Amino acid sequence: MKHREQLDRPSRAVVALLLSFAAGIFAPSARAQQSPQCTVKPASVPLGQTVRLFCDLPSNVPVATARLAAGPNGLTVRLFKQASGEWQGLMPIAVKDSPGTFPIDFLAADGTTLASVTLTIRKTIFPSQNVNLAPQIEALHSTPEEMQTLTTFRDSVSDVKYWDDPLAAPLLGCIISPFGVARLHNGKPTGEFHGGIDQRAAQGTPIRAVAAGVVKIVQPFNVLGGTVAIDHGQGLETMYLHMSKLNVAVGALVKKGDVIGYAGATGRATGPHLHWVVYVNGVPQNPQQWVALKSCTAPKTKS
């Protein structure tokens, strides 16, 4: 009997070892087969604002994207795996997108739908605004080379995330022209909307980076004037226009709050101010969703 027990002891040890080995093999497989959990915040948004995308995805998903079919051609954006293991992304809603309820599909690299979440885009009314321009200012136009520089910047999406919440205001001036207004020049419709916001600023006021990032453009433009553009990573970019003096170099890594230039009235401008733009995956977004700023115009009160 003792002899049999002595024979059983190694057998049990071998079985335990095999079970441990099998667990090591199948545990990753189980993680790989976990159900994707994806959410969007907010679930209801006005035109011109950004939706945050969050996903816990299986470990065997090497690349993930999200697709929204709200616009004429839809939009697909990249998701990025964070240090926490969660995937995150930014879905911009364009000013000219259609209001309604639409699915956001989360996709694997082969196009397989991993999850689907519903987003509501609310109808949004943007007012009109007339700007009186002197003939020599109105006559300014962008060159093809300038347009290509801007397109290249907007279309690039880098992997490294430099920014964090909250963003900081580039200066303390109040808003003299909000995002999204339909622009008229000398009373004539331009067919364009205001893709950023204008903040009041005296000549020479320091302008600061709203977040950390890599400087991509430092140059004067015919219409935009003295311009700095910063890539903050993973789909977030900003531009600062009409500056009198530029204070950074292309390729520089700036921190939130660094002085990148000084306010002016260069390009198509009627006086000193700062026009700045937030791009999310190439689409201009309302900066007031990212930074709390006050309007220069006091709200009307009922008598």
C-alpha atoms as a PDB file:
ATOM      1  CA  MET A   1       0.000   0.000   0.000  1.00  0.00           C
ATOM      2  CA  LYS A   2       2.824   2.338   0.895  1.00  0.00           C
ATOM      3  CA  HIS A   3       4.525   1.448  -2.377  1.00  0.00           C
ATOM      4  CA  ARG A   4       1.385   2.476  -4.307  1.00  0.00           C
ATOM      5  CA  GLU A   5       1.156   5.810  -2.469  1.00  0.00           C
ATOM      6  CA  GLN A   6       4.780   6.508  -3.330  1.00  0.00           C
ATOM      7  CA  LEU A   7       3.957   5.909  -7.001  1.00  0.00           C
ATOM      8  CA  ASP A   8       0.931   8.247  -6.814  1.00  0.00           C
ATOM      9  CA  ARG A   9       2.828  11.205  -5.396  1.00  0.00           C
ATOM     10  CA  PRO A  10       4.879  11.925  -8.579  1.00  0.00           C
ATOM     11  CA  SER A  11       1.749  11.391 -10.679  1.00  0.00           C
ATOM     12  CA  ARG A  12      -0.131  14.051  -8.749  1.00  0.00           C
ATOM     13  CA  ALA A  13       2.795  16.413  -9.060  1.00  0.00           C
ATOM     14  CA  VAL A  14       2.896  15.876 -12.822  1.00  0.00           C
ATOM     15  CA  VAL A  15      -0.852  16.514 -13.100  1.00  0.00           C
ATOM     16  CA  ALA A  16      -0.559  19.738 -11.095  1.00  0.00           C
ATOM     17  CA  LEU A  17       2.306  20.874 -13.315  1.00  0.00           C
ATOM     18  CA  LEU A  18       0.315  20.130 -16.463  1.00  0.00           C
ATOM     19  CA  LEU A  19      -2.713  22.016 -15.132  1.00  0.00           C
ATOM     20  CA  SER A  20      -0.540  25.005 -14.307  1.00  0.00           C
ATOM     21  CA  PHE A  21       1.005  24.898 -17.789  1.00  0.00           C
ATOM     22  CA  ALA A  22      -2.438  24.692 -19.415  1.00  0.00           C
ATOM     23  CA  ALA A  23      -3.652  27.668 -17.405  1.00  0.00           C
ATOM     24  CA  GLY A  24      -0.720  29.686 -18.663  1.00  0.00           C
ATOM     25  CA  ILE A  25      -1.584  28.785 -22.241  1.00  0.00           C
ATOM     26  CA  PHE A  26      -5.315  29.404 -22.089  1.00  0.00           C
ATOM     27  CA  ALA A  27      -5.371  32.515 -19.871  1.00  0.00           C
ATOM     28  CA  PRO A  28      -4.163  34.829 -22.672  1.00  0.00           C
ATOM     29  CA  SER A  29      -6.689  33.179 -24.984  1.00  0.00           C
ATOM     30  CA  ALA A  30      -9.457  33.963 -22.509  1.00  0.00           C
ATOM     31  CA  ARG A  31      -8.335  37.567 -22.278  1.00  0.00           C
ATOM     32  CA  ALA A  32      -8.192  37.752 -26.057  1.00  0.00           C
ATOM     33  CA  GLN A  33     -11.824  36.636 -26.244  1.00  0.00           C
ATOM     34  CA  GLN A  34     -13.206  39.113 -23.702  1.00  0.00           C
ATOM     35  CA  SER A  35     -16.184  41.171 -24.879  1.00  0.00           C
ATOM     36  CA  PRO A  36     -15.303  44.729 -25.972  1.00  0.00           C
ATOM     37  CA  GLN A  37     -16.725  47.458 -23.755  1.00  0.00           C
ATOM     38  CA  CYS A  38     -16.971  50.859 -25.507  1.00  0.00           C
ATOM     39  CA  THR A  39     -18.567  54.162 -24.499  1.00  0.00           C
ATOM     40  CA  VAL A  40     -18.818  57.705 -25.851  1.00  0.00           C
ATOM     41  CA  LYS A  41     -18.944  60.930 -23.821  1.00  0.00           C
ATOM     42  CA  PRO A  42     -21.094  62.890 -24.189  1.00  0.00           C
ATOM     43  CA  ALA A  43     -23.766  60.721 -25.776  1.00  0.00           C
ATOM     44  CA  SER A  44     -25.544  63.845 -27.078  1.00  0.00           C
ATOM     45  CA  VAL A  45     -23.581  66.729 -28.574  1.00  0.00           C
ATOM     46  CA  PRO A  46     -24.165  69.953 -30.574  1.00  0.00           C
ATOM     47  CA  LEU A  47     -22.538  70.601 -33.926  1.00  0.00           C
ATOM     48  CA  GLY A  48     -18.894  71.627 -33.766  1.00  0.00           C
ATOM     49  CA  GLN A  49     -17.974  69.730 -30.603  1.00  0.00           C
ATOM     50  CA  THR A  50     -15.863  66.675 -29.820  1.00  0.00           C
ATOM     51  CA  VAL A  51     -16.958  63.260 -28.565  1.00  0.00           C
ATOM     52  CA  ARG A  52     -14.520  61.294 -26.381  1.00  0.00           C
ATOM     53  CA  LEU A  53     -14.253  57.593 -27.219  1.00  0.00           C
ATOM     54  CA  PHE A  54     -13.321  54.934 -24.634  1.00  0.00           C
ATOM     55  CA  CYS A  55     -12.848  51.188 -25.126  1.00  0.00           C
ATOM     56  CA  ASP A  56     -11.664  48.152 -23.180  1.00  0.00           C
ATOM     57  CA  LEU A  57     -10.693  45.842 -26.027  1.00  0.00           C
ATOM     58  CA  PRO A  58      -9.402  42.257 -26.215  1.00  0.00           C
ATOM     59  CA  SER A  59      -5.621  41.965 -25.873  1.00  0.00           C
ATOM     60  CA  ASN A  60      -5.306  40.491 -29.371  1.00  0.00           C
ATOM     61  CA  VAL A  61      -6.573  43.696 -31.053  1.00  0.00           C
ATOM     62  CA  PRO A  62      -3.446  45.449 -32.435  1.00  0.00           C
ATOM     63  CA  VAL A  63      -5.210  48.408 -34.088  1.00  0.00           C
ATOM     64  CA  ALA A  64      -8.620  49.952 -33.545  1.00  0.00           C
ATOM     65  CA  THR A  65     -10.634  52.731 -35.195  1.00  0.00           C
ATOM     66  CA  ALA A  66     -14.065  54.280 -34.791  1.00  0.00           C
ATOM     67  CA  ARG A  67     -16.414  55.230 -37.630  1.00  0.00           C
ATOM     68  CA  LEU A  68     -19.265  57.755 -37.599  1.00  0.00           C
ATOM     69  CA  ALA A  69     -21.553  57.983 -40.636  1.00  0.00           C
ATOM     70  CA  ALA A  70     -23.079  61.386 -39.837  1.00  0.00           C
ATOM     71  CA  GLY A  71     -21.461  63.483 -42.573  1.00  0.00           C
ATOM     72  CA  PRO A  72     -21.722  63.108 -46.359  1.00  0.00           C
ATOM     73  CA  ASN A  73     -18.806  60.656 -46.468  1.00  0.00           C
ATOM     74  CA  GLY A  74     -18.596  59.645 -42.813  1.00  0.00           C
ATOM     75  CA  LEU A  75     -15.461  59.878 -40.714  1.00  0.00           C
ATOM     76  CA  THR A  76     -13.108  57.232 -39.340  1.00  0.00           C
ATOM     77  CA  VAL A  77     -10.641  58.128 -36.574  1.00  0.00           C
ATOM     78  CA  ARG A  78      -7.866  56.214 -34.856  1.00  0.00           C
ATOM     79  CA  LEU A  79      -8.001  54.951 -31.292  1.00  0.00           C
ATOM     80  CA  PHE A  80      -4.831  54.923 -29.205  1.00  0.00           C
ATOM     81  CA  LYS A  81      -3.914  52.480 -26.451  1.00  0.00           C
ATOM     82  CA  GLN A  82      -3.150  54.367 -23.235  1.00  0.00           C
ATOM     83  CA  ALA A  83      -0.763  53.391 -20.434  1.00  0.00           C
ATOM     84  CA  SER A  84      -3.790  52.143 -18.450  1.00  0.00           C
ATOM     85  CA  GLY A  85      -4.538  49.623 -21.209  1.00  0.00           C
ATOM     86  CA  GLU A  86      -7.714  51.462 -22.250  1.00  0.00           C
ATOM     87  CA  TRP A  87      -8.142  52.643 -25.838  1.00  0.00           C
ATOM     88  CA  GLN A  88      -9.141  56.270 -26.361  1.00  0.00           C
ATOM     89  CA  GLY A  89      -9.929  58.505 -29.311  1.00  0.00           C
ATOM     90  CA  LEU A  90     -11.502  61.803 -30.344  1.00  0.00           C
ATOM     91  CA  MET A  91     -14.461  61.998 -32.738  1.00  0.00           C
ATOM     92  CA  PRO A  92     -15.055  65.521 -34.109  1.00  0.00           C
ATOM     93  CA  ILE A  93     -18.562  66.620 -35.071  1.00  0.00           C
ATOM     94  CA  ALA A  94     -18.361  69.122 -37.926  1.00  0.00           C
ATOM     95  CA  VAL A  95     -20.425  72.292 -38.122  1.00  0.00           C
ATOM     96  CA  LYS A  96     -21.950  71.043 -41.384  1.00  0.00           C
ATOM     97  CA  ASP A  97     -22.770  67.505 -40.185  1.00  0.00           C
ATOM     98  CA  SER A  98     -26.408  66.425 -40.138  1.00  0.00           C
ATOM     99  CA  PRO A  99     -28.305  66.429 -36.838  1.00  0.00           C
ATOM    100  CA  GLY A 100     -29.820  63.102 -35.858  1.00  0.00           C
ATOM    101  CA  THR A 101     -29.011  59.814 -34.151  1.00  0.00           C
ATOM    102  CA  PHE A 102     -26.162  57.752 -35.591  1.00  0.00           C
ATOM    103  CA  PRO A 103     -24.094  54.707 -34.630  1.00  0.00           C
ATOM    104  CA  ILE A 104     -20.399  54.956 -33.870  1.00  0.00           C
ATOM    105  CA  ASP A 105     -18.883  51.613 -34.878  1.00  0.00           C
ATOM    106  CA  PHE A 106     -15.641  50.502 -33.223  1.00  0.00           C
ATOM    107  CA  LEU A 107     -13.590  48.497 -35.694  1.00  0.00           C
ATOM    108  CA  ALA A 108     -10.620  46.123 -35.674  1.00  0.00           C
ATOM    109  CA  ALA A 109      -7.875  46.396 -38.289  1.00  0.00           C
ATOM    110  CA  ASP A 110      -9.629  43.932 -40.601  1.00  0.00           C
ATOM    111  CA  GLY A 111     -12.851  45.965 -40.502  1.00  0.00           C
ATOM    112  CA  THR A 112     -14.655  43.693 -38.056  1.00  0.00           C
ATOM    113  CA  THR A 113     -17.127  45.593 -35.873  1.00  0.00           C
ATOM    114  CA  LEU A 114     -16.076  45.151 -32.240  1.00  0.00           C
ATOM    115  CA  ALA A 115     -18.838  47.256 -30.706  1.00  0.00           C
ATOM    116  CA  SER A 116     -21.407  49.891 -31.644  1.00  0.00           C
ATOM    117  CA  VAL A 117     -22.652  52.864 -29.593  1.00  0.00           C
ATOM    118  CA  THR A 118     -25.372  55.391 -30.436  1.00  0.00           C
ATOM    119  CA  LEU A 119     -24.607  59.130 -30.630  1.00  0.00           C
ATOM    120  CA  THR A 120     -27.148  61.946 -30.907  1.00  0.00           C
ATOM    121  CA  ILE A 121     -26.095  65.121 -32.773  1.00  0.00           C
ATOM    122  CA  ARG A 122     -28.314  68.031 -31.822  1.00  0.00           C
ATOM    123  CA  LYS A 123     -29.530  70.743 -34.195  1.00  0.00           C
ATOM    124  CA  THR A 124     -27.459  73.864 -33.592  1.00  0.00           C
ATOM    125  CA  ILE A 125     -28.135  77.411 -34.773  1.00  0.00           C
ATOM    126  CA  PHE A 126     -25.103  79.596 -35.443  1.00  0.00           C
ATOM    127  CA  PRO A 127     -25.677  83.362 -35.906  1.00  0.00           C
ATOM    128  CA  SER A 128     -24.207  85.535 -38.661  1.00  0.00           C
ATOM    129  CA  GLN A 129     -21.529  88.180 -38.190  1.00  0.00           C
ATOM    130  CA  ASN A 130     -20.438  90.960 -40.534  1.00  0.00           C
ATOM    131  CA  VAL A 131     -16.835  92.166 -40.661  1.00  0.00           C
ATOM    132  CA  ASN A 132     -15.985  95.430 -42.410  1.00  0.00           C
ATOM    133  CA  LEU A 133     -12.676  95.115 -44.254  1.00  0.00           C
ATOM    134  CA  ALA A 134     -10.638  97.780 -45.996  1.00  0.00           C
ATOM    135  CA  PRO A 135     -10.174  97.027 -49.747  1.00  0.00           C
ATOM    136  CA  GLN A 136      -6.475  96.175 -49.345  1.00  0.00           C
ATOM    137  CA  ILE A 137      -7.263  93.751 -46.503  1.00  0.00           C
ATOM    138  CA  GLU A 138     -10.187  92.115 -48.310  1.00  0.00           C
ATOM    139  CA  ALA A 139      -7.969  91.580 -51.361  1.00  0.00           C
ATOM    140  CA  LEU A 140      -5.601  89.253 -49.468  1.00  0.00           C
ATOM    141  CA  HIS A 141      -5.742  85.593 -50.541  1.00  0.00           C
ATOM    142  CA  SER A 142      -3.925  82.424 -49.588  1.00  0.00           C
ATOM    143  CA  THR A 143      -1.402  80.969 -52.045  1.00  0.00           C
ATOM    144  CA  PRO A 144      -1.537  77.297 -53.143  1.00  0.00           C
ATOM    145  CA  GLU A 145       1.662  76.689 -51.168  1.00  0.00           C
ATOM    146  CA  GLU A 146       0.075  78.128 -48.015  1.00  0.00           C
ATOM    147  CA  MET A 147      -3.041  76.005 -48.472  1.00  0.00           C
ATOM    148  CA  GLN A 148      -0.910  72.868 -48.895  1.00  0.00           C
ATOM    149  CA  THR A 149       1.043  73.663 -45.714  1.00  0.00           C
ATOM    150  CA  LEU A 150      -2.206  73.980 -43.759  1.00  0.00           C
ATOM    151  CA  THR A 151      -3.693  70.805 -45.275  1.00  0.00           C
ATOM    152  CA  THR A 152      -0.586  68.781 -44.437  1.00  0.00           C
ATOM    153  CA  PHE A 153      -0.743  69.998 -40.843  1.00  0.00           C
ATOM    154  CA  ARG A 154      -4.460  69.275 -40.393  1.00  0.00           C
ATOM    155  CA  ASP A 155      -4.256  65.828 -41.970  1.00  0.00           C
ATOM    156  CA  SER A 156      -1.389  64.562 -39.787  1.00  0.00           C
ATOM    157  CA  VAL A 157      -2.163  62.477 -36.688  1.00  0.00           C
ATOM    158  CA  SER A 158       0.749  61.595 -34.401  1.00  0.00           C
ATOM    159  CA  ASP A 159       0.958  58.693 -31.933  1.00  0.00           C
ATOM    160  CA  VAL A 160       2.368  60.415 -28.837  1.00  0.00           C
ATOM    161  CA  LYS A 161      -0.078  62.228 -26.537  1.00  0.00           C
ATOM    162  CA  TYR A 162       1.431  65.401 -25.053  1.00  0.00           C
ATOM    163  CA  TRP A 163      -1.767  67.077 -23.848  1.00  0.00           C
ATOM    164  CA  ASP A 164      -3.852  66.557 -20.768  1.00  0.00           C
ATOM    165  CA  ASP A 165      -7.059  68.034 -19.399  1.00  0.00           C
ATOM    166  CA  PRO A 166      -7.847  70.805 -18.798  1.00  0.00           C
ATOM    167  CA  LEU A 167      -6.363  72.980 -21.542  1.00  0.00           C
ATOM    168  CA  ALA A 168      -5.318  76.533 -20.625  1.00  0.00           C
ATOM    169  CA  ALA A 169      -6.497  79.757 -22.262  1.00  0.00           C
ATOM    170  CA  PRO A 170      -3.841  81.260 -24.569  1.00  0.00           C
ATOM    171  CA  LEU A 171      -4.513  84.704 -23.045  1.00  0.00           C
ATOM    172  CA  LEU A 172      -7.020  86.381 -20.730  1.00  0.00           C
ATOM    173  CA  GLY A 173      -8.958  88.431 -23.314  1.00  0.00           C
ATOM    174  CA  CYS A 174     -12.714  87.996 -23.696  1.00  0.00           C
ATOM    175  CA  ILE A 175     -14.312  86.629 -26.887  1.00  0.00           C
ATOM    176  CA  ILE A 176     -15.101  89.183 -29.583  1.00  0.00           C
ATOM    177  CA  SER A 177     -16.131  86.612 -32.212  1.00  0.00           C
ATOM    178  CA  PRO A 178     -17.346  83.100 -31.308  1.00  0.00           C
ATOM    179  CA  PHE A 179     -16.907  79.803 -33.108  1.00  0.00           C
ATOM    180  CA  GLY A 180     -19.306  78.803 -35.867  1.00  0.00           C
ATOM    181  CA  VAL A 181     -20.751  82.173 -36.912  1.00  0.00           C
ATOM    182  CA  ALA A 182     -21.516  82.592 -40.607  1.00  0.00           C
ATOM    183  CA  ARG A 183     -19.136  85.274 -41.851  1.00  0.00           C
ATOM    184  CA  LEU A 184     -20.046  88.236 -44.037  1.00  0.00           C
ATOM    185  CA  HIS A 185     -17.409  90.595 -45.408  1.00  0.00           C
ATOM    186  CA  ASN A 186     -18.661  94.149 -45.953  1.00  0.00           C
ATOM    187  CA  GLY A 187     -22.234  92.841 -45.858  1.00  0.00           C
ATOM    188  CA  LYS A 188     -21.640  90.090 -48.436  1.00  0.00           C
ATOM    189  CA  PRO A 189     -21.946  86.372 -47.505  1.00  0.00           C
ATOM    190  CA  THR A 190     -18.640  84.502 -47.834  1.00  0.00           C
ATOM    191  CA  GLY A 191     -20.061  80.980 -47.568  1.00  0.00           C
ATOM    192  CA  GLU A 192     -17.606  80.379 -44.722  1.00  0.00           C
ATOM    193  CA  PHE A 193     -18.037  79.931 -40.989  1.00  0.00           C
ATOM    194  CA  HIS A 194     -15.702  81.125 -38.259  1.00  0.00           C
ATOM    195  CA  GLY A 195     -13.534  78.078 -37.591  1.00  0.00           C
ATOM    196  CA  GLY A 196     -12.078  79.349 -34.306  1.00  0.00           C
ATOM    197  CA  ILE A 197     -12.604  82.136 -31.822  1.00  0.00           C
ATOM    198  CA  ASP A 198     -11.267  85.698 -31.626  1.00  0.00           C
ATOM    199  CA  GLN A 199     -10.067  86.957 -28.268  1.00  0.00           C
ATOM    200  CA  ARG A 200      -9.489  90.598 -27.433  1.00  0.00           C
ATOM    201  CA  ALA A 201      -5.778  91.345 -27.026  1.00  0.00           C
ATOM    202  CA  ALA A 202      -3.680  94.505 -27.050  1.00  0.00           C
ATOM    203  CA  GLN A 203      -0.735  94.705 -29.447  1.00  0.00           C
ATOM    204  CA  GLY A 204       2.156  92.693 -28.054  1.00  0.00           C
ATOM    205  CA  THR A 205       0.179  90.642 -25.514  1.00  0.00           C
ATOM    206  CA  PRO A 206       1.989  87.307 -24.873  1.00  0.00           C
ATOM    207  CA  ILE A 207       0.227  84.282 -26.372  1.00  0.00           C
ATOM    208  CA  ARG A 208       0.713  80.942 -24.639  1.00  0.00           C
ATOM    209  CA  ALA A 209       0.377  77.311 -25.749  1.00  0.00           C
ATOM    210  CA  VAL A 210      -2.894  75.827 -24.483  1.00  0.00           C
ATOM    211  CA  ALA A 211      -1.188  72.443 -23.982  1.00  0.00           C
ATOM    212  CA  ALA A 212       2.142  70.720 -24.469  1.00  0.00           C
ATOM    213  CA  GLY A 213       3.055  69.636 -27.979  1.00  0.00           C
ATOM    214  CA  VAL A 214       5.402  69.828 -30.943  1.00  0.00           C
ATOM    215  CA  VAL A 215       5.535  73.023 -33.036  1.00  0.00           C
ATOM    216  CA  LYS A 216       4.811  72.262 -36.701  1.00  0.00           C
ATOM    217  CA  ILE A 217       4.347  75.697 -38.348  1.00  0.00           C
ATOM    218  CA  VAL A 218       6.020  79.035 -37.633  1.00  0.00           C
ATOM    219  CA  GLN A 219       5.551  81.475 -40.505  1.00  0.00           C
ATOM    220  CA  PRO A 220       3.616  84.485 -41.848  1.00  0.00           C
ATOM    221  CA  PHE A 221       0.636  83.801 -44.145  1.00  0.00           C
ATOM    222  CA  ASN A 222      -1.148  86.266 -46.434  1.00  0.00           C
ATOM    223  CA  VAL A 223      -4.551  85.884 -44.752  1.00  0.00           C
ATOM    224  CA  LEU A 224      -3.686  84.284 -41.419  1.00  0.00           C
ATOM    225  CA  GLY A 225      -0.766  86.586 -40.655  1.00  0.00           C
ATOM    226  CA  GLY A 226       1.923  85.484 -38.221  1.00  0.00           C
ATOM    227  CA  THR A 227       1.015  81.885 -37.402  1.00  0.00           C
ATOM    228  CA  VAL A 228       2.119  79.126 -35.028  1.00  0.00           C
ATOM    229  CA  ALA A 229       0.648  75.618 -35.240  1.00  0.00           C
ATOM    230  CA  ILE A 230       1.142  72.955 -32.570  1.00  0.00           C
ATOM    231  CA  ASP A 231       0.525  69.192 -32.722  1.00  0.00           C
ATOM    232  CA  HIS A 232      -0.547  68.018 -29.249  1.00  0.00           C
ATOM    233  CA  GLY A 233      -0.775  64.370 -30.295  1.00  0.00           C
ATOM    234  CA  GLN A 234      -3.396  61.674 -30.900  1.00  0.00           C
ATOM    235  CA  GLY A 235      -5.596  63.932 -33.047  1.00  0.00           C
ATOM    236  CA  LEU A 236      -5.514  67.236 -31.139  1.00  0.00           C
ATOM    237  CA  GLU A 237      -3.929  70.319 -32.786  1.00  0.00           C
ATOM    238  CA  THR A 238      -4.126  74.098 -32.322  1.00  0.00           C
ATOM    239  CA  MET A 239      -3.251  77.175 -34.405  1.00  0.00           C
ATOM    240  CA  TYR A 240      -2.674  80.800 -33.354  1.00  0.00           C
ATOM    241  CA  LEU A 241      -3.035  83.570 -35.960  1.00  0.00           C
ATOM    242  CA  HIS A 242      -2.424  87.265 -36.712  1.00  0.00           C
ATOM    243  CA  MET A 243       0.583  87.491 -34.370  1.00  0.00           C
ATOM    244  CA  SER A 244       3.004  90.416 -34.542  1.00  0.00           C
ATOM    245  CA  LYS A 245       5.993  88.350 -33.422  1.00  0.00           C
ATOM    246  CA  LEU A 246       6.660  84.596 -33.335  1.00  0.00           C
ATOM    247  CA  ASN A 247       8.580  83.210 -30.379  1.00  0.00           C
ATOM    248  CA  VAL A 248       9.220  79.519 -31.204  1.00  0.00           C
ATOM    249  CA  ALA A 249      10.912  77.376 -33.849  1.00  0.00           C
ATOM    250  CA  VAL A 250       9.576  74.458 -35.899  1.00  0.00           C
ATOM    251  CA  GLY A 251      10.263  71.180 -34.120  1.00  0.00           C
ATOM    252  CA  ALA A 252      10.360  72.695 -30.632  1.00  0.00           C
ATOM    253  CA  LEU A 253       8.618  70.803 -27.828  1.00  0.00           C
ATOM    254  CA  VAL A 254       6.603  73.355 -25.851  1.00  0.00           C
ATOM    255  CA  LYS A 255       4.903  73.023 -22.487  1.00  0.00           C
ATOM    256  CA  LYS A 256       1.453  74.271 -21.525  1.00  0.00           C
ATOM    257  CA  GLY A 257       1.737  78.008 -20.849  1.00  0.00           C
ATOM    258  CA  ASP A 258       4.934  78.611 -22.848  1.00  0.00           C
ATOM    259  CA  VAL A 259       4.945  81.933 -24.735  1.00  0.00           C
ATOM    260  CA  ILE A 260       4.789  81.123 -28.448  1.00  0.00           C
ATOM    261  CA  GLY A 261       4.267  84.644 -29.824  1.00  0.00           C
ATOM    262  CA  TYR A 262       2.701  88.065 -29.328  1.00  0.00           C
ATOM    263  CA  ALA A 263      -0.680  89.444 -30.406  1.00  0.00           C
ATOM    264  CA  GLY A 264      -0.922  91.638 -33.465  1.00  0.00           C
ATOM    265  CA  ALA A 265      -3.011  92.535 -36.492  1.00  0.00           C
ATOM    266  CA  THR A 266      -1.111  90.833 -39.322  1.00  0.00           C
ATOM    267  CA  GLY A 267      -2.871  89.220 -42.290  1.00  0.00           C
ATOM    268  CA  ARG A 268      -6.618  89.761 -42.772  1.00  0.00           C
ATOM    269  CA  ALA A 269      -7.267  91.531 -39.476  1.00  0.00           C
ATOM    270  CA  THR A 270      -9.019  94.777 -38.580  1.00  0.00           C
ATOM    271  CA  GLY A 271      -7.073  95.317 -35.359  1.00  0.00           C
ATOM    272  CA  PRO A 272      -4.960  93.532 -32.735  1.00  0.00           C
ATOM    273  CA  HIS A 273      -6.515  90.308 -31.438  1.00  0.00           C
ATOM    274  CA  LEU A 274      -5.891  86.582 -31.281  1.00  0.00           C
ATOM    275  CA  HIS A 275      -7.715  84.174 -33.552  1.00  0.00           C
ATOM    276  CA  TRP A 276      -7.032  80.594 -32.494  1.00  0.00           C
ATOM    277  CA  VAL A 277      -8.314  77.258 -33.691  1.00  0.00           C
ATOM    278  CA  VAL A 278      -8.731  73.773 -32.229  1.00  0.00           C
ATOM    279  CA  TYR A 279      -8.493  70.926 -34.756  1.00  0.00           C
ATOM    280  CA  VAL A 280      -9.584  67.412 -33.810  1.00  0.00           C
ATOM    281  CA  ASN A 281      -8.545  64.856 -36.410  1.00  0.00           C
ATOM    282  CA  GLY A 282      -8.457  67.646 -38.991  1.00  0.00           C
ATOM    283  CA  VAL A 283     -11.898  69.137 -38.201  1.00  0.00           C
ATOM    284  CA  PRO A 284     -12.219  72.619 -36.602  1.00  0.00           C
ATOM    285  CA  GLN A 285     -13.955  72.377 -33.216  1.00  0.00           C
ATOM    286  CA  ASN A 286     -15.400  74.860 -30.751  1.00  0.00           C
ATOM    287  CA  PRO A 287     -12.531  75.927 -28.444  1.00  0.00           C
ATOM    288  CA  GLN A 288     -15.055  76.811 -25.742  1.00  0.00           C
ATOM    289  CA  GLN A 289     -15.684  73.097 -25.222  1.00  0.00           C
ATOM    290  CA  TRP A 290     -12.021  72.815 -24.238  1.00  0.00           C
ATOM    291  CA  VAL A 291     -11.416  76.123 -22.428  1.00  0.00           C
ATOM    292  CA  ALA A 292     -13.860  78.257 -20.411  1.00  0.00           C
ATOM    293  CA  LEU A 293     -13.847  81.823 -21.789  1.00  0.00           C
ATOM    294  CA  LYS A 294     -16.114  84.823 -21.322  1.00  0.00           C
ATOM    295  CA  SER A 295     -17.780  86.825 -24.078  1.00  0.00           C
ATOM    296  CA  CYS A 296     -17.031  90.536 -24.360  1.00  0.00           C
ATOM    297  CA  THR A 297     -20.750  91.128 -24.950  1.00  0.00           C
ATOM    298  CA  ALA A 298     -22.888  91.115 -21.839  1.00  0.00           C
ATOM    299  CA  PRO A 299     -25.939  88.804 -22.133  1.00  0.00           C
ATOM    300  CA  LYS A 300     -29.229  90.586 -22.758  1.00  0.00           C
ATOM    301  CA  THR A 301     -31.597  90.710 -19.810  1.00  0.00           C
ATOM    302  CA  LYS A 302     -35.393  90.914 -19.950  1.00  0.00           C
ATOM    303  CA  SER A 303     -36.936  94.095 -18.596  1.00  0.00           C
END
